[in-house]
PDB file of N, CA and C in Angstrom:
ATOM      1  N   MET A   1       0.839  -1.173   0.000  1.00  0.00           N
ATOM      2  CA  MET A   1       0.000   0.000   0.000  1.00  0.00           C
ATOM      3  C   MET A   1       0.891   1.245   0.000  1.00  0.00           C
ATOM      4  N   GLY A   2       0.508   2.228  -0.772  1.00  0.00           N
ATOM      5  CA  GLY A   2       1.272   3.464  -0.862  1.00  0.00           C
ATOM      6  C   GLY A   2       0.698   4.554   0.016  1.00  0.00           C
ATOM      7  N   TYR A   3       1.500   5.544   0.283  1.00  0.00           N
ATOM      8  CA  TYR A   3       1.103   6.682   1.095  1.00  0.00           C
ATOM      9  C   TYR A   3       1.669   7.963   0.504  1.00  0.00           C
ATOM     10  N   ILE A   4       0.990   9.050   0.708  1.00  0.00           N
ATOM     11  CA  ILE A   4       1.558  10.363   0.427  1.00  0.00           C
ATOM     12  C   ILE A   4       2.187  10.805   1.731  1.00  0.00           C
ATOM     13  N   VAL A   5       3.498  11.012   1.726  1.00  0.00           N
ATOM     14  CA  VAL A   5       4.196  11.329   2.979  1.00  0.00           C
ATOM     15  C   VAL A   5       4.345  12.815   3.221  1.00  0.00           C
ATOM     16  N   GLY A   6       4.066  13.633   2.212  1.00  0.00           N
ATOM     17  CA  GLY A   6       4.165  15.067   2.426  1.00  0.00           C
ATOM     18  C   GLY A   6       4.046  15.831   1.136  1.00  0.00           C
ATOM     19  N   ALA A   7       3.927  17.119   1.286  1.00  0.00           N
ATOM     20  CA  ALA A   7       3.877  18.037   0.152  1.00  0.00           C
ATOM     21  C   ALA A   7       4.595  19.309   0.567  1.00  0.00           C
ATOM     22  N   ALA A   8       5.268  19.941  -0.371  1.00  0.00           N
ATOM     23  CA  ALA A   8       6.015  21.159  -0.070  1.00  0.00           C
ATOM     24  C   ALA A   8       6.102  22.002  -1.323  1.00  0.00           C
ATOM     25  N   ARG A   9       6.490  23.238  -1.145  1.00  0.00           N
ATOM     26  CA  ARG A   9       6.710  24.108  -2.292  1.00  0.00           C
ATOM     27  C   ARG A   9       8.028  24.840  -2.116  1.00  0.00           C
ATOM     28  N   SER A  10       8.541  25.323  -3.210  1.00  0.00           N
ATOM     29  CA  SER A  10       9.792  26.075  -3.164  1.00  0.00           C
ATOM     30  C   SER A  10       9.513  27.512  -2.744  1.00  0.00           C
ATOM     31  N   ALA A  11      10.571  28.266  -2.625  1.00  0.00           N
ATOM     32  CA  ALA A  11      10.425  29.687  -2.326  1.00  0.00           C
ATOM     33  C   ALA A  11       9.628  30.365  -3.441  1.00  0.00           C
ATOM     34  N   ILE A  12       8.899  31.394  -3.068  1.00  0.00           N
ATOM     35  CA  ILE A  12       8.093  32.122  -4.042  1.00  0.00           C
ATOM     36  C   ILE A  12       8.882  33.336  -4.507  1.00  0.00           C
ATOM     37  N   ALA A  13       9.074  33.452  -5.796  1.00  0.00           N
ATOM     38  CA  ALA A  13       9.754  34.610  -6.365  1.00  0.00           C
ATOM     39  C   ALA A  13       9.314  34.755  -7.808  1.00  0.00           C
ATOM     40  N   LYS A  14       9.329  35.940  -8.305  1.00  0.00           N
ATOM     41  CA  LYS A  14       8.987  36.197  -9.703  1.00  0.00           C
ATOM     42  C   LYS A  14      10.038  35.536 -10.583  1.00  0.00           C
ATOM     43  N   GLY A  15       9.616  34.660 -11.452  1.00  0.00           N
ATOM     44  CA  GLY A  15      10.542  33.954 -12.323  1.00  0.00           C
ATOM     45  C   GLY A  15      10.969  34.805 -13.505  1.00  0.00           C
ATOM     46  N   LYS A  16      12.045  35.510 -13.346  1.00  0.00           N
ATOM     47  CA  LYS A  16      12.553  36.337 -14.447  1.00  0.00           C
ATOM     48  C   LYS A  16      14.073  36.266 -14.455  1.00  0.00           C
ATOM     49  N   PRO A  17      14.686  36.551 -15.591  1.00  0.00           N
ATOM     50  CA  PRO A  17      16.144  36.385 -15.712  1.00  0.00           C
ATOM     51  C   PRO A  17      16.960  37.121 -14.652  1.00  0.00           C
ATOM     52  N   ASP A  18      16.502  38.261 -14.191  1.00  0.00           N
ATOM     53  CA  ASP A  18      17.253  39.007 -13.181  1.00  0.00           C
ATOM     54  C   ASP A  18      16.592  38.931 -11.801  1.00  0.00           C
ATOM     55  N   GLY A  19      15.730  37.920 -11.588  1.00  0.00           N
ATOM     56  CA  GLY A  19      15.042  37.743 -10.315  1.00  0.00           C
ATOM     57  C   GLY A  19      15.983  37.312  -9.206  1.00  0.00           C
ATOM     58  N   ILE A  20      15.499  37.380  -7.982  1.00  0.00           N
ATOM     59  CA  ILE A  20      16.329  37.122  -6.807  1.00  0.00           C
ATOM     60  C   ILE A  20      16.906  35.709  -6.767  1.00  0.00           C
ATOM     61  N   LEU A  21      16.200  34.738  -7.315  1.00  0.00           N
ATOM     62  CA  LEU A  21      16.693  33.357  -7.270  1.00  0.00           C
ATOM     63  C   LEU A  21      17.487  32.969  -8.512  1.00  0.00           C
ATOM     64  N   SER A  22      17.434  33.786  -9.554  1.00  0.00           N
ATOM     65  CA  SER A  22      18.047  33.392 -10.831  1.00  0.00           C
ATOM     66  C   SER A  22      19.554  33.242 -10.765  1.00  0.00           C
ATOM     67  N   SER A  23      20.224  34.055  -9.994  1.00  0.00           N
ATOM     68  CA  SER A  23      21.679  33.991  -9.951  1.00  0.00           C
ATOM     69  C   SER A  23      22.202  33.016  -8.898  1.00  0.00           C
ATOM     70  N   THR A  24      21.350  32.565  -8.013  1.00  0.00           N
ATOM     71  CA  THR A  24      21.811  31.719  -6.915  1.00  0.00           C
ATOM     72  C   THR A  24      21.315  30.286  -6.985  1.00  0.00           C
ATOM     73  N   HIS A  25      20.212  30.041  -7.674  1.00  0.00           N
ATOM     74  CA  HIS A  25      19.628  28.697  -7.675  1.00  0.00           C
ATOM     75  C   HIS A  25      19.143  28.310  -9.059  1.00  0.00           C
ATOM     76  N   HIS A  26      19.661  27.221  -9.573  1.00  0.00           N
ATOM     77  CA  HIS A  26      19.086  26.607 -10.762  1.00  0.00           C
ATOM     78  C   HIS A  26      17.810  25.911 -10.295  1.00  0.00           C
ATOM     79  N   PRO A  27      16.758  25.853 -11.127  1.00  0.00           N
ATOM     80  CA  PRO A  27      15.510  25.201 -10.698  1.00  0.00           C
ATOM     81  C   PRO A  27      15.701  23.781 -10.166  1.00  0.00           C
ATOM     82  N   VAL A  28      16.607  23.022 -10.748  1.00  0.00           N
ATOM     83  CA  VAL A  28      16.863  21.655 -10.271  1.00  0.00           C
ATOM     84  C   VAL A  28      17.460  21.691  -8.866  1.00  0.00           C
ATOM     85  N   ASP A  29      18.405  22.600  -8.624  1.00  0.00           N
ATOM     86  CA  ASP A  29      19.014  22.724  -7.299  1.00  0.00           C
ATOM     87  C   ASP A  29      17.983  23.131  -6.253  1.00  0.00           C
ATOM     88  N   LEU A  30      17.138  24.079  -6.610  1.00  0.00           N
ATOM     89  CA  LEU A  30      16.104  24.560  -5.689  1.00  0.00           C
ATOM     90  C   LEU A  30      15.129  23.437  -5.326  1.00  0.00           C
ATOM     91  N   MET A  31      14.673  22.682  -6.336  1.00  0.00           N
ATOM     92  CA  MET A  31      13.740  21.589  -6.072  1.00  0.00           C
ATOM     93  C   MET A  31      14.411  20.460  -5.303  1.00  0.00           C
ATOM     94  N   ALA A  32      15.691  20.205  -5.558  1.00  0.00           N
ATOM     95  CA  ALA A  32      16.410  19.163  -4.806  1.00  0.00           C
ATOM     96  C   ALA A  32      16.441  19.514  -3.321  1.00  0.00           C
ATOM     97  N   LYS A  33      16.648  20.786  -2.991  1.00  0.00           N
ATOM     98  CA  LYS A  33      16.638  21.208  -1.585  1.00  0.00           C
ATOM     99  C   LYS A  33      15.256  21.030  -0.966  1.00  0.00           C
ATOM    100  N   VAL A  34      14.221  21.322  -1.725  1.00  0.00           N
ATOM    101  CA  VAL A  34      12.854  21.115  -1.237  1.00  0.00           C
ATOM    102  C   VAL A  34      12.623  19.633  -0.954  1.00  0.00           C
ATOM    103  N   LEU A  35      13.044  18.759  -1.856  1.00  0.00           N
ATOM    104  CA  LEU A  35      12.856  17.318  -1.670  1.00  0.00           C
ATOM    105  C   LEU A  35      13.634  16.786  -0.471  1.00  0.00           C
ATOM    106  N   GLU A  36      14.869  17.263  -0.303  1.00  0.00           N
ATOM    107  CA  GLU A  36      15.664  16.842   0.851  1.00  0.00           C
ATOM    108  C   GLU A  36      14.980  17.256   2.156  1.00  0.00           C
ATOM    109  N   GLY A  37      14.472  18.471   2.199  1.00  0.00           N
ATOM    110  CA  GLY A  37      13.767  18.937   3.392  1.00  0.00           C
ATOM    111  C   GLY A  37      12.487  18.163   3.645  1.00  0.00           C
ATOM    112  N   LEU A  38      11.816  17.793   2.581  1.00  0.00           N
ATOM    113  CA  LEU A  38      10.550  17.069   2.713  1.00  0.00           C
ATOM    114  C   LEU A  38      10.739  15.689   3.329  1.00  0.00           C
ATOM    115  N   VAL A  39      11.728  14.928   2.861  1.00  0.00           N
ATOM    116  CA  VAL A  39      11.935  13.591   3.435  1.00  0.00           C
ATOM    117  C   VAL A  39      12.479  13.687   4.861  1.00  0.00           C
ATOM    118  N   THR A  40      13.264  14.716   5.133  1.00  0.00           N
ATOM    119  CA  THR A  40      13.760  14.919   6.499  1.00  0.00           C
ATOM    120  C   THR A  40      12.599  15.211   7.433  1.00  0.00           C
ATOM    121  N   GLN A  41      11.724  16.118   7.024  1.00  0.00           N
ATOM    122  CA  GLN A  41      10.559  16.481   7.842  1.00  0.00           C
ATOM    123  C   GLN A  41       9.623  15.295   8.047  1.00  0.00           C
ATOM    124  N   ALA A  42       9.436  14.492   7.002  1.00  0.00           N
ATOM    125  CA  ALA A  42       8.521  13.351   7.085  1.00  0.00           C
ATOM    126  C   ALA A  42       9.152  12.154   7.801  1.00  0.00           C
ATOM    127  N   GLY A  43      10.480  12.164   7.937  1.00  0.00           N
ATOM    128  CA  GLY A  43      11.151  11.038   8.578  1.00  0.00           C
ATOM    129  C   GLY A  43      11.140   9.781   7.736  1.00  0.00           C
ATOM    130  N   VAL A  44      11.172   9.946   6.428  1.00  0.00           N
ATOM    131  CA  VAL A  44      11.105   8.824   5.498  1.00  0.00           C
ATOM    132  C   VAL A  44      12.441   8.695   4.774  1.00  0.00           C
ATOM    133  N   PRO A  45      13.021   7.504   4.719  1.00  0.00           N
ATOM    134  CA  PRO A  45      14.263   7.343   3.967  1.00  0.00           C
ATOM    135  C   PRO A  45      14.003   7.517   2.469  1.00  0.00           C
ATOM    136  N   LYS A  46      14.972   8.074   1.767  1.00  0.00           N
ATOM    137  CA  LYS A  46      14.814   8.323   0.333  1.00  0.00           C
ATOM    138  C   LYS A  46      14.508   7.050  -0.436  1.00  0.00           C
ATOM    139  N   GLY A  47      15.052   5.938  -0.010  1.00  0.00           N
ATOM    140  CA  GLY A  47      14.816   4.674  -0.688  1.00  0.00           C
ATOM    141  C   GLY A  47      13.393   4.162  -0.575  1.00  0.00           C
ATOM    142  N   ALA A  48      12.609   4.711   0.350  1.00  0.00           N
ATOM    143  CA  ALA A  48      11.220   4.288   0.523  1.00  0.00           C
ATOM    144  C   ALA A  48      10.258   5.064  -0.370  1.00  0.00           C
ATOM    145  N   VAL A  49      10.762   6.070  -1.066  1.00  0.00           N
ATOM    146  CA  VAL A  49       9.915   6.908  -1.928  1.00  0.00           C
ATOM    147  C   VAL A  49       9.868   6.287  -3.318  1.00  0.00           C
ATOM    148  N   ASP A  50       8.653   6.026  -3.804  1.00  0.00           N
ATOM    149  CA  ASP A  50       8.472   5.417  -5.121  1.00  0.00           C
ATOM    150  C   ASP A  50       8.392   6.442  -6.239  1.00  0.00           C
ATOM    151  N   ASP A  51       7.819   7.608  -5.957  1.00  0.00           N
ATOM    152  CA  ASP A  51       7.532   8.561  -7.019  1.00  0.00           C
ATOM    153  C   ASP A  51       7.583   9.985  -6.483  1.00  0.00           C
ATOM    154  N   VAL A  52       8.076  10.904  -7.287  1.00  0.00           N
ATOM    155  CA  VAL A  52       8.098  12.330  -6.975  1.00  0.00           C
ATOM    156  C   VAL A  52       7.351  13.027  -8.103  1.00  0.00           C
ATOM    157  N   ILE A  53       6.327  13.792  -7.750  1.00  0.00           N
ATOM    158  CA  ILE A  53       5.515  14.501  -8.736  1.00  0.00           C
ATOM    159  C   ILE A  53       5.618  15.987  -8.448  1.00  0.00           C
ATOM    160  N   CYS A  54       6.157  16.736  -9.404  1.00  0.00           N
ATOM    161  CA  CYS A  54       6.383  18.168  -9.218  1.00  0.00           C
ATOM    162  C   CYS A  54       5.508  18.978 -10.165  1.00  0.00           C
ATOM    163  N   GLY A  55       4.768  19.913  -9.621  1.00  0.00           N
ATOM    164  CA  GLY A  55       4.025  20.863 -10.430  1.00  0.00           C
ATOM    165  C   GLY A  55       4.927  22.047 -10.749  1.00  0.00           C
ATOM    166  N   VAL A  56       5.122  22.326 -12.023  1.00  0.00           N
ATOM    167  CA  VAL A  56       5.992  23.427 -12.459  1.00  0.00           C
ATOM    168  C   VAL A  56       5.206  24.284 -13.441  1.00  0.00           C
ATOM    169  N   VAL A  57       4.961  25.536 -13.070  1.00  0.00           N
ATOM    170  CA  VAL A  57       4.212  26.436 -13.933  1.00  0.00           C
ATOM    171  C   VAL A  57       5.133  26.989 -15.019  1.00  0.00           C
ATOM    172  N   THR A  58       4.688  26.927 -16.245  1.00  0.00           N
ATOM    173  CA  THR A  58       5.402  27.453 -17.404  1.00  0.00           C
ATOM    174  C   THR A  58       6.851  26.963 -17.464  1.00  0.00           C
ATOM    175  N   PRO A  59       7.054  25.703 -17.744  1.00  0.00           N
ATOM    176  CA  PRO A  59       8.405  25.154 -17.785  1.00  0.00           C
ATOM    177  C   PRO A  59       9.178  25.572 -19.041  1.00  0.00           C
ATOM    178  N   LEU A  60       9.806  26.733 -18.957  1.00  0.00           N
ATOM    179  CA  LEU A  60      10.607  27.270 -20.056  1.00  0.00           C
ATOM    180  C   LEU A  60      12.047  27.438 -19.610  1.00  0.00           C
ATOM    181  N   GLY A  61      12.958  27.510 -20.541  1.00  0.00           N
ATOM    182  CA  GLY A  61      14.361  27.769 -20.222  1.00  0.00           C
ATOM    183  C   GLY A  61      14.923  26.717 -19.282  1.00  0.00           C
ATOM    184  N   LYS A  62      15.470  27.181 -18.153  1.00  0.00           N
ATOM    185  CA  LYS A  62      16.074  26.271 -17.179  1.00  0.00           C
ATOM    186  C   LYS A  62      15.066  25.305 -16.576  1.00  0.00           C
ATOM    187  N   GLN A  63      13.797  25.662 -16.611  1.00  0.00           N
ATOM    188  CA  GLN A  63      12.740  24.779 -16.096  1.00  0.00           C
ATOM    189  C   GLN A  63      12.215  23.844 -17.182  1.00  0.00           C
ATOM    190  N   GLY A  64      12.761  23.939 -18.390  1.00  0.00           N
ATOM    191  CA  GLY A  64      12.239  23.192 -19.520  1.00  0.00           C
ATOM    192  C   GLY A  64      12.522  21.700 -19.487  1.00  0.00           C
ATOM    193  N   ALA A  65      13.550  21.309 -18.759  1.00  0.00           N
ATOM    194  CA  ALA A  65      13.834  19.873 -18.630  1.00  0.00           C
ATOM    195  C   ALA A  65      12.882  19.277 -17.593  1.00  0.00           C
ATOM    196  N   ASN A  66      12.950  18.004 -17.382  1.00  0.00           N
ATOM    197  CA  ASN A  66      12.083  17.355 -16.392  1.00  0.00           C
ATOM    198  C   ASN A  66      12.644  17.621 -14.989  1.00  0.00           C
ATOM    199  N   VAL A  67      12.295  18.769 -14.429  1.00  0.00           N
ATOM    200  CA  VAL A  67      12.809  19.183 -13.119  1.00  0.00           C
ATOM    201  C   VAL A  67      12.496  18.134 -12.054  1.00  0.00           C
ATOM    202  N   GLY A  68      11.321  17.541 -12.107  1.00  0.00           N
ATOM    203  CA  GLY A  68      10.953  16.528 -11.120  1.00  0.00           C
ATOM    204  C   GLY A  68      11.922  15.357 -11.096  1.00  0.00           C
ATOM    205  N   ARG A  69      12.281  14.864 -12.246  1.00  0.00           N
ATOM    206  CA  ARG A  69      13.207  13.726 -12.325  1.00  0.00           C
ATOM    207  C   ARG A  69      14.638  14.141 -11.980  1.00  0.00           C
ATOM    208  N   LEU A  70      15.098  15.238 -12.567  1.00  0.00           N
ATOM    209  CA  LEU A  70      16.475  15.677 -12.334  1.00  0.00           C
ATOM    210  C   LEU A  70      16.714  16.048 -10.872  1.00  0.00           C
ATOM    211  N   ALA A  71      15.746  16.705 -10.248  1.00  0.00           N
ATOM    212  CA  ALA A  71      15.878  17.075  -8.830  1.00  0.00           C
ATOM    213  C   ALA A  71      15.857  15.844  -7.937  1.00  0.00           C
ATOM    214  N   THR A  72      15.077  14.845  -8.313  1.00  0.00           N
ATOM    215  CA  THR A  72      15.035  13.595  -7.552  1.00  0.00           C
ATOM    216  C   THR A  72      16.421  12.954  -7.528  1.00  0.00           C
ATOM    217  N   LEU A  73      17.067  12.925  -8.660  1.00  0.00           N
ATOM    218  CA  LEU A  73      18.423  12.361  -8.739  1.00  0.00           C
ATOM    219  C   LEU A  73      19.425  13.245  -8.000  1.00  0.00           C
ATOM    220  N   LYS A  74      19.339  14.562  -8.191  1.00  0.00           N
ATOM    221  CA  LYS A  74      20.272  15.490  -7.542  1.00  0.00           C
ATOM    222  C   LYS A  74      20.152  15.412  -6.023  1.00  0.00           C
ATOM    223  N   ALA A  75      18.943  15.166  -5.515  1.00  0.00           N
ATOM    224  CA  ALA A  75      18.718  15.083  -4.074  1.00  0.00           C
ATOM    225  C   ALA A  75      19.188  13.762  -3.482  1.00  0.00           C
ATOM    226  N   GLY A  76      19.653  12.849  -4.326  1.00  0.00           N
ATOM    227  CA  GLY A  76      20.201  11.592  -3.825  1.00  0.00           C
ATOM    228  C   GLY A  76      19.216  10.458  -3.666  1.00  0.00           C
ATOM    229  N   PHE A  77      18.060  10.559  -4.303  1.00  0.00           N
ATOM    230  CA  PHE A  77      17.116   9.442  -4.286  1.00  0.00           C
ATOM    231  C   PHE A  77      17.667   8.346  -5.201  1.00  0.00           C
ATOM    232  N   PRO A  78      17.302   7.098  -4.949  1.00  0.00           N
ATOM    233  CA  PRO A  78      17.775   6.015  -5.830  1.00  0.00           C
ATOM    234  C   PRO A  78      17.284   6.226  -7.265  1.00  0.00           C
ATOM    235  N   VAL A  79      18.028   5.714  -8.234  1.00  0.00           N
ATOM    236  CA  VAL A  79      17.616   5.866  -9.635  1.00  0.00           C
ATOM    237  C   VAL A  79      16.276   5.179  -9.908  1.00  0.00           C
ATOM    238  N   GLU A  80      15.893   4.248  -9.047  1.00  0.00           N
ATOM    239  CA  GLU A  80      14.610   3.559  -9.217  1.00  0.00           C
ATOM    240  C   GLU A  80      13.418   4.443  -8.841  1.00  0.00           C
ATOM    241  N   THR A  81      13.659   5.536  -8.126  1.00  0.00           N
ATOM    242  CA  THR A  81      12.578   6.459  -7.752  1.00  0.00           C
ATOM    243  C   THR A  81      12.237   7.305  -8.966  1.00  0.00           C
ATOM    244  N   SER A  82      10.994   7.199  -9.420  1.00  0.00           N
ATOM    245  CA  SER A  82      10.609   7.982 -10.593  1.00  0.00           C
ATOM    246  C   SER A  82      10.321   9.421 -10.188  1.00  0.00           C
ATOM    247  N   GLY A  83      10.434  10.290 -11.152  1.00  0.00           N
ATOM    248  CA  GLY A  83      10.149  11.700 -10.924  1.00  0.00           C
ATOM    249  C   GLY A  83       9.559  12.296 -12.183  1.00  0.00           C
ATOM    250  N   VAL A  84       8.564  13.141 -12.014  1.00  0.00           N
ATOM    251  CA  VAL A  84       7.882  13.730 -13.162  1.00  0.00           C
ATOM    252  C   VAL A  84       7.537  15.186 -12.866  1.00  0.00           C
ATOM    253  N   GLN A  85       7.456  15.951 -13.916  1.00  0.00           N
ATOM    254  CA  GLN A  85       7.062  17.359 -13.830  1.00  0.00           C
ATOM    255  C   GLN A  85       5.778  17.512 -14.629  1.00  0.00           C
ATOM    256  N   LEU A  86       4.849  18.314 -14.118  1.00  0.00           N
ATOM    257  CA  LEU A  86       3.628  18.585 -14.871  1.00  0.00           C
ATOM    258  C   LEU A  86       3.305  20.067 -14.813  1.00  0.00           C
ATOM    259  N   ASN A  87       2.530  20.521 -15.781  1.00  0.00           N
ATOM    260  CA  ASN A  87       2.175  21.931 -15.874  1.00  0.00           C
ATOM    261  C   ASN A  87       0.680  22.071 -16.090  1.00  0.00           C
ATOM    262  N   ARG A  88       0.009  22.643 -15.122  1.00  0.00           N
ATOM    263  CA  ARG A  88      -1.402  23.016 -15.220  1.00  0.00           C
ATOM    264  C   ARG A  88      -1.548  24.491 -14.861  1.00  0.00           C
ATOM    265  N   MET A  89      -0.520  25.253 -15.203  1.00  0.00           N
ATOM    266  CA  MET A  89      -0.462  26.681 -14.875  1.00  0.00           C
ATOM    267  C   MET A  89      -0.662  26.847 -13.367  1.00  0.00           C
ATOM    268  N   CYS A  90      -1.577  27.698 -12.931  1.00  0.00           N
ATOM    269  CA  CYS A  90      -1.734  27.972 -11.494  1.00  0.00           C
ATOM    270  C   CYS A  90      -2.183  26.744 -10.699  1.00  0.00           C
ATOM    271  N   GLY A  91      -2.710  25.742 -11.371  1.00  0.00           N
ATOM    272  CA  GLY A  91      -3.173  24.543 -10.688  1.00  0.00           C
ATOM    273  C   GLY A  91      -2.159  23.410 -10.673  1.00  0.00           C
ATOM    274  N   SER A  92      -0.892  23.691 -10.983  1.00  0.00           N
ATOM    275  CA  SER A  92       0.118  22.627 -11.088  1.00  0.00           C
ATOM    276  C   SER A  92       0.316  21.871  -9.783  1.00  0.00           C
ATOM    277  N   GLY A  93       0.411  22.589  -8.668  1.00  0.00           N
ATOM    278  CA  GLY A  93       0.589  21.939  -7.372  1.00  0.00           C
ATOM    279  C   GLY A  93      -0.596  21.062  -7.004  1.00  0.00           C
ATOM    280  N   GLN A  94      -1.801  21.588  -7.239  1.00  0.00           N
ATOM    281  CA  GLN A  94      -3.008  20.812  -6.944  1.00  0.00           C
ATOM    282  C   GLN A  94      -3.085  19.572  -7.834  1.00  0.00           C
ATOM    283  N   GLN A  95      -2.712  19.710  -9.105  1.00  0.00           N
ATOM    284  CA  GLN A  95      -2.735  18.562 -10.004  1.00  0.00           C
ATOM    285  C   GLN A  95      -1.721  17.507  -9.571  1.00  0.00           C
ATOM    286  N   ALA A  96      -0.562  17.939  -9.077  1.00  0.00           N
ATOM    287  CA  ALA A  96       0.435  16.986  -8.584  1.00  0.00           C
ATOM    288  C   ALA A  96      -0.140  16.170  -7.430  1.00  0.00           C
ATOM    289  N   ILE A  97      -0.842  16.825  -6.524  1.00  0.00           N
ATOM    290  CA  ILE A  97      -1.471  16.116  -5.394  1.00  0.00           C
ATOM    291  C   ILE A  97      -2.551  15.164  -5.903  1.00  0.00           C
ATOM    292  N   ASN A  98      -3.348  15.608  -6.887  1.00  0.00           N
ATOM    293  CA  ASN A  98      -4.390  14.752  -7.462  1.00  0.00           C
ATOM    294  C   ASN A  98      -3.783  13.505  -8.095  1.00  0.00           C
ATOM    295  N   PHE A  99      -2.708  13.667  -8.861  1.00  0.00           N
ATOM    296  CA  PHE A  99      -2.054  12.508  -9.483  1.00  0.00           C
ATOM    297  C   PHE A  99      -1.491  11.565  -8.428  1.00  0.00           C
ATOM    298  N   ALA A 100      -0.888  12.120  -7.387  1.00  0.00           N
ATOM    299  CA  ALA A 100      -0.335  11.275  -6.318  1.00  0.00           C
ATOM    300  C   ALA A 100      -1.454  10.499  -5.626  1.00  0.00           C
ATOM    301  N   SER A 101      -2.549  11.165  -5.352  1.00  0.00           N
ATOM    302  CA  SER A 101      -3.707  10.504  -4.711  1.00  0.00           C
ATOM    303  C   SER A 101      -4.240   9.372  -5.584  1.00  0.00           C
ATOM    304  N   ALA A 102      -4.352   9.625  -6.874  1.00  0.00           N
ATOM    305  CA  ALA A 102      -4.844   8.590  -7.787  1.00  0.00           C
ATOM    306  C   ALA A 102      -3.879   7.404  -7.815  1.00  0.00           C
ATOM    307  N   GLY A 103      -2.589   7.672  -7.748  1.00  0.00           N
ATOM    308  CA  GLY A 103      -1.602   6.603  -7.742  1.00  0.00           C
ATOM    309  C   GLY A 103      -1.706   5.736  -6.489  1.00  0.00           C
ATOM    310  N   VAL A 104      -2.000   6.357  -5.360  1.00  0.00           N
ATOM    311  CA  VAL A 104      -2.159   5.604  -4.111  1.00  0.00           C
ATOM    312  C   VAL A 104      -3.412   4.737  -4.179  1.00  0.00           C
ATOM    313  N   LEU A 105      -4.479   5.278  -4.739  1.00  0.00           N
ATOM    314  CA  LEU A 105      -5.741   4.540  -4.804  1.00  0.00           C
ATOM    315  C   LEU A 105      -5.704   3.393  -5.818  1.00  0.00           C
ATOM    316  N   ALA A 106      -4.821   3.505  -6.811  1.00  0.00           N
ATOM    317  CA  ALA A 106      -4.796   2.492  -7.887  1.00  0.00           C
ATOM    318  C   ALA A 106      -4.286   1.145  -7.404  1.00  0.00           C
TER     319      ALA A 106
END
């Protein structure tokens, strides 16, 4: 049986080339830190996580790759842990939770 062990979001900042996070954090690095904090907070070992689902609004430029998968690997999860990125504009986070819930119920 599967469980959703937590949900988190990254820092909020205007995504623009000269924005506050643009010079200090690549999107993959930022999401990897969020994932590391999430498993620490939940008390779950990385090897126990089957799937990472990331909602990413307007995945262009540095966000254009599969941030969910790349951040999962960068955060040190096993290669067997899948990771995906989805875009539903403002509803991306909610859609990620919906997909995770459906996966648990399946």
